C-alpha cells in the first residue's frame, strides 16, 4: 500500500472529541490489512478518532487504527484519553501523563502467526513533549485498563487503588499495537470522574458523559496545542 505522507505525528482522540468535525482537514479512508479507518490529515499530523462509528472500547478496531496511521505516514503517536481517578488527590479535571500500564483485559495483537514479543513502554521523548505542552499535568502515573463497556465495581476499584492511579479502557491496547508496529507512543489522560467508591463516588455512564462534555473545550484546546507543537 502506498503511504500518503512521510514522517508526521499521529494523534488519537477519544470520547471528548467524538463530535469533532475536522472540517478544515482532508478526510482520508485508509485501507489496512485489518480493516478501514477514517483519518483527518493536517499540516504535519494525522488525527484519528478512536470511537468512529460509535464503537464501544471493547470493539474498537485497534489494529486497523494504528495500521492506518502508520500507512498514512505517522512515525509516532500521541493519544488523548478519558479516565477515572483512583486517587483522592487526582481530582476530576486533572491531566495525567502515564509512564506505565497494567492491563486486566486481553489486548489486540498483530502477532497471531508468529512468536514475537514486545515490551509496551511509553516513549520518553513524547512524554517530555507532553509535559512541555501541558506543564500542569501530573507527570507520572500508572494507567490500568479494563475491558468495558461496563464500569468497574467498588470492590474492583478498591483493589485497583493499590496498584494504579487512573483507570480507562483503551490506552494499553493502543500502546501494545503501536509497540508491535514500531511506533513510539505516549498518552495524556484527562480525569473526568472519581472511580466507583473513591471519595464515596457513585459513577454512572450518564455522569461520565456529562463530565466529558464539561471537559470537552479543554480537550479541544489540548489538541490544538499538540497540533501547534508540530506545525
Protein backbone atom coordinates (compact mmCIF):
# COMPACT_ATOMS: atom_id res chain seq x y z
CA UNK A 1 0.00 0.00 0.00
CA UNK A 2 1.22 3.49 -0.74
CA UNK A 3 1.78 5.94 2.08
CA UNK A 4 0.23 9.38 1.75
CA UNK A 5 2.89 11.24 3.71
CA UNK A 6 6.16 10.55 5.46
CA UNK A 7 7.19 11.44 8.99
CA UNK A 8 4.31 13.05 10.79
CA UNK A 9 2.64 12.87 14.18
CA UNK A 10 -0.37 10.65 14.63
CA UNK A 11 -2.92 11.86 17.18
CA UNK A 12 -5.65 9.66 18.64
CA UNK A 13 -8.66 11.37 20.20
CA UNK A 14 -11.32 9.90 22.44
CA UNK A 15 -14.85 10.47 23.70
CA UNK A 16 -14.30 14.17 24.28
CA UNK A 17 -13.58 14.62 20.56
CA UNK A 18 -16.27 12.23 19.30
CA UNK A 19 -18.15 15.04 17.54
CA UNK A 20 -15.01 16.82 16.33
CA UNK A 21 -15.58 17.59 12.66
CA UNK A 22 -12.10 18.50 11.45
CA UNK A 23 -13.72 20.37 8.57
CA UNK A 24 -10.52 22.21 7.71
CA UNK A 25 -8.64 18.94 7.28
CA UNK A 26 -8.52 16.41 4.47
CA UNK A 27 -10.60 13.34 5.28
CA UNK A 28 -8.96 10.00 4.43
CA UNK A 29 -10.39 6.49 4.33
CA UNK A 30 -7.25 4.40 4.90
CA UNK A 31 -7.43 0.71 3.98
CA UNK A 32 -5.30 -1.68 6.05
CA UNK A 33 -4.93 -5.47 6.36
CA UNK A 34 -7.20 -5.21 9.42
CA UNK A 35 -9.99 -3.03 8.04
CA UNK A 36 -10.56 0.59 7.05
CA UNK A 37 -10.14 3.56 9.40
CA UNK A 38 -11.01 7.22 8.93
CA UNK A 39 -8.31 9.86 9.37
CA UNK A 40 -8.13 13.63 9.17
CA UNK A 41 -4.91 14.90 7.58
CA UNK A 42 -3.49 18.28 8.58
CA UNK A 43 -0.17 20.04 8.19
CA UNK A 44 2.34 17.66 9.75
CA UNK A 45 -0.16 15.48 11.61
CA UNK A 46 -2.89 12.89 11.25
CA UNK A 47 -5.92 12.82 13.57
CA UNK A 48 -7.84 9.60 14.26
CA UNK A 49 -10.93 9.38 16.46
CA UNK A 50 -10.87 6.00 18.17
CA UNK A 51 -14.64 5.71 18.67
CA UNK A 52 -15.52 6.21 15.00
CA UNK A 53 -18.77 4.52 14.02
CA UNK A 54 -19.68 4.87 17.73
CA UNK A 55 -17.72 1.76 18.67
CA UNK A 56 -17.50 0.91 22.36
CA UNK A 57 -13.99 0.39 23.80
CA UNK A 58 -14.06 -3.43 23.66
CA UNK A 59 -14.81 -3.49 19.91
CA UNK A 60 -12.63 -0.62 18.69
CA UNK A 61 -10.59 -1.63 15.64
CA UNK A 62 -7.25 -1.01 17.33
CA UNK A 63 -5.16 -2.87 14.77
CA UNK A 64 -6.83 -1.09 11.87
CA UNK A 65 -6.50 2.30 13.56
CA UNK A 66 -2.79 2.01 14.35
CA UNK A 67 -2.04 0.44 10.96
CA UNK A 68 -3.96 3.25 9.23
CA UNK A 69 -1.85 5.88 10.98
CA UNK A 70 1.34 4.04 10.07
CA UNK A 71 0.38 3.50 6.44
CA UNK A 72 -0.65 7.16 6.12
CA UNK A 73 2.81 8.24 7.26
CA UNK A 74 2.70 8.63 11.05
CA UNK A 75 6.05 7.87 12.66
CA UNK A 76 4.93 8.45 16.26
CA UNK A 77 1.63 8.66 18.13
CA UNK A 78 0.17 10.76 20.93
CA UNK A 79 -3.15 9.60 22.36
CA UNK A 80 -5.69 11.63 24.35
CA UNK A 81 -7.70 9.55 26.79
CA UNK A 82 -10.56 9.91 29.24
CA UNK A 83 -10.07 8.24 32.62
CA UNK A 84 -11.39 7.78 36.12
CA UNK A 85 -9.25 8.69 39.10
CA UNK A 86 -8.23 6.08 41.65
CA UNK A 87 -6.74 8.73 43.95
CA UNK A 88 -8.42 11.38 46.06
CA UNK A 89 -5.51 13.73 45.23
CA UNK A 90 -6.13 13.38 41.47
CA UNK A 91 -9.46 15.22 41.14
CA UNK A 92 -11.69 15.46 38.06
CA UNK A 93 -10.26 17.99 35.63
CA UNK A 94 -6.69 16.85 36.22
CA UNK A 95 -4.41 15.62 33.46
CA UNK A 96 -2.03 12.70 33.84
CA UNK A 97 0.87 11.67 31.58
CA UNK A 98 1.16 7.95 32.40
CA UNK A 99 4.52 6.23 32.50
CA UNK A 100 3.31 2.65 32.96
CA UNK A 101 0.32 0.40 32.34
CA UNK A 102 -1.43 -2.54 33.94
CA UNK A 103 -3.98 -4.40 31.84
CA UNK A 104 -6.76 -6.66 33.11
CA UNK A 105 -8.21 -7.48 29.69
CA UNK A 106 -6.96 -9.22 26.55
CA UNK A 107 -5.17 -6.79 24.29
CA UNK A 108 -5.16 -6.92 20.48
CA UNK A 109 -2.04 -8.08 18.68
CA UNK A 110 -0.73 -8.34 15.14
CA UNK A 111 1.42 -11.34 16.18
CA UNK A 112 -1.13 -14.09 15.60
CA UNK A 113 1.03 -16.09 13.20
CA UNK A 114 4.50 -15.70 14.70
CA UNK A 115 6.21 -15.86 18.07
CA UNK A 116 7.42 -12.34 18.76
CA UNK A 117 7.29 -10.34 21.97
CA UNK A 118 7.37 -6.61 22.68
CA UNK A 119 7.58 -4.65 25.91
CA UNK A 120 4.94 -1.91 25.66
CA UNK A 121 6.61 1.22 27.05
CA UNK A 122 5.65 4.87 26.75
CA UNK A 123 8.15 6.88 24.72
CA UNK A 124 10.17 9.25 26.90
CA UNK A 125 10.71 11.93 24.25
CA UNK A 126 6.99 12.16 23.53
CA UNK A 127 6.25 12.24 27.26
CA UNK A 128 8.70 15.13 27.63
CA UNK A 129 6.89 16.95 24.80
CA UNK A 130 3.55 16.45 26.56
CA UNK A 131 4.99 17.81 29.81
CA UNK A 132 6.07 20.92 27.91
CA UNK A 133 2.68 21.29 26.24
CA UNK A 134 0.75 20.70 29.48
CA UNK A 135 3.04 21.70 32.38
CA UNK A 136 0.17 21.47 34.87
CA UNK A 137 -0.30 17.75 34.13
CA UNK A 138 0.73 15.14 36.67
CA UNK A 139 3.95 13.86 35.04
CA UNK A 140 3.76 10.19 36.04
CA UNK A 141 1.18 7.58 36.87
CA UNK A 142 0.07 4.02 36.21
CA UNK A 143 -2.87 3.54 33.85
CA UNK A 144 -4.91 0.40 34.44
CA UNK A 145 -7.10 -0.86 31.61
CA UNK A 146 -10.35 -2.76 31.99
CA UNK A 147 -12.27 -4.34 29.15
CA UNK A 148 -15.51 -2.42 29.27
CA UNK A 149 -18.04 -1.46 28.27
CA UNK A 150 -19.27 -1.98 31.82
CA UNK A 151 -17.93 0.21 34.59
CA UNK A 152 -15.91 -1.21 37.46
CA UNK A 153 -17.40 -2.38 40.75
CA UNK A 154 -16.50 -0.78 44.06
CA UNK A 155 -14.57 -3.89 45.10
CA UNK A 156 -12.61 -3.89 41.83
CA UNK A 157 -11.72 -0.23 42.32
CA UNK A 158 -10.68 -0.88 45.93
CA UNK A 159 -8.12 -3.38 44.59
CA UNK A 160 -7.03 -1.18 41.67
CA UNK A 161 -6.27 1.68 44.07
CA UNK A 162 -3.41 -0.42 45.42
CA UNK A 163 -1.62 -0.73 42.07
CA UNK A 164 -2.62 2.16 39.78
CA UNK A 165 -3.57 5.83 39.63
CA UNK A 166 -6.11 6.14 36.80
CA UNK A 167 -8.42 3.68 35.06
CA UNK A 168 -9.55 3.56 31.43
CA UNK A 169 -10.43 1.15 28.62
CA UNK A 170 -8.23 1.93 25.60
CA UNK A 171 -4.66 3.19 26.13
CA UNK A 172 -2.99 -0.17 26.91
CA UNK A 173 -4.39 -1.67 23.70
CA UNK A 174 -3.19 1.28 21.62
CA UNK A 175 0.24 1.24 23.25
CA UNK A 176 0.64 -2.50 22.64
CA UNK A 177 -0.28 -2.43 18.95
CA UNK A 178 1.84 0.69 18.41
CA UNK A 179 4.80 -1.07 20.02
CA UNK A 180 4.32 -4.07 17.76
CA UNK A 181 4.28 -1.79 14.73
CA UNK A 182 7.40 0.07 15.86
CA UNK A 183 5.69 3.40 16.53
CA UNK A 184 6.77 5.48 19.57
CA UNK A 185 3.68 6.19 21.67
CA UNK A 186 2.70 8.43 24.59
CA UNK A 187 -0.61 9.42 26.14
CA UNK A 188 -2.10 12.29 28.09
CA UNK A 189 -5.23 11.47 30.04
CA UNK A 190 -7.97 13.74 31.33
CA UNK A 191 -9.65 12.72 34.57
CA UNK A 192 -13.40 13.01 34.08
CA UNK A 193 -14.57 11.49 37.36
CA UNK A 194 -13.54 9.67 40.51
CA UNK A 195 -13.81 5.91 40.01
CA UNK A 196 -16.55 3.98 41.77
CA UNK A 197 -16.08 4.22 45.55
CA UNK A 198 -13.25 6.76 45.54
CA UNK A 199 -14.36 9.60 47.86
CA UNK A 200 -17.64 7.63 48.14
CA UNK A 201 -18.30 8.46 44.49
CA UNK A 202 -21.08 6.62 42.68
CA UNK A 203 -20.46 6.56 38.95
CA UNK A 204 -22.85 6.15 36.03
CA UNK A 205 -22.32 6.37 32.27
CA UNK A 206 -24.55 9.44 32.14
CA UNK A 207 -22.44 11.18 34.78
CA UNK A 208 -19.20 10.33 32.95
CA UNK A 209 -20.55 11.70 29.66
CA UNK A 210 -21.66 14.88 31.40
CA UNK A 211 -18.13 15.35 32.75
CA UNK A 212 -16.62 14.56 29.34
CA UNK A 213 -18.77 17.30 27.82
CA UNK A 214 -17.75 19.69 30.59
CA UNK A 215 -14.08 18.98 29.79
CA UNK A 216 -14.61 18.98 26.01
CA UNK A 217 -13.36 22.53 25.48
CA UNK A 218 -10.20 21.68 27.39
CA UNK A 219 -9.69 18.61 25.22
CA UNK A 220 -10.02 20.65 22.03
CA UNK A 221 -7.57 23.23 23.44
CA UNK A 222 -5.13 20.42 24.25
CA UNK A 223 -5.49 19.04 20.73
CA UNK A 224 -4.79 22.49 19.30
CA UNK A 225 -1.66 22.78 21.48
CA UNK A 226 -0.37 19.41 20.28
CA UNK A 227 -1.05 20.37 16.66
CA UNK A 228 0.81 23.68 17.11
CA UNK A 229 3.79 21.79 18.52
CA UNK A 230 4.32 20.05 15.18
CA UNK A 231 3.33 22.93 12.89
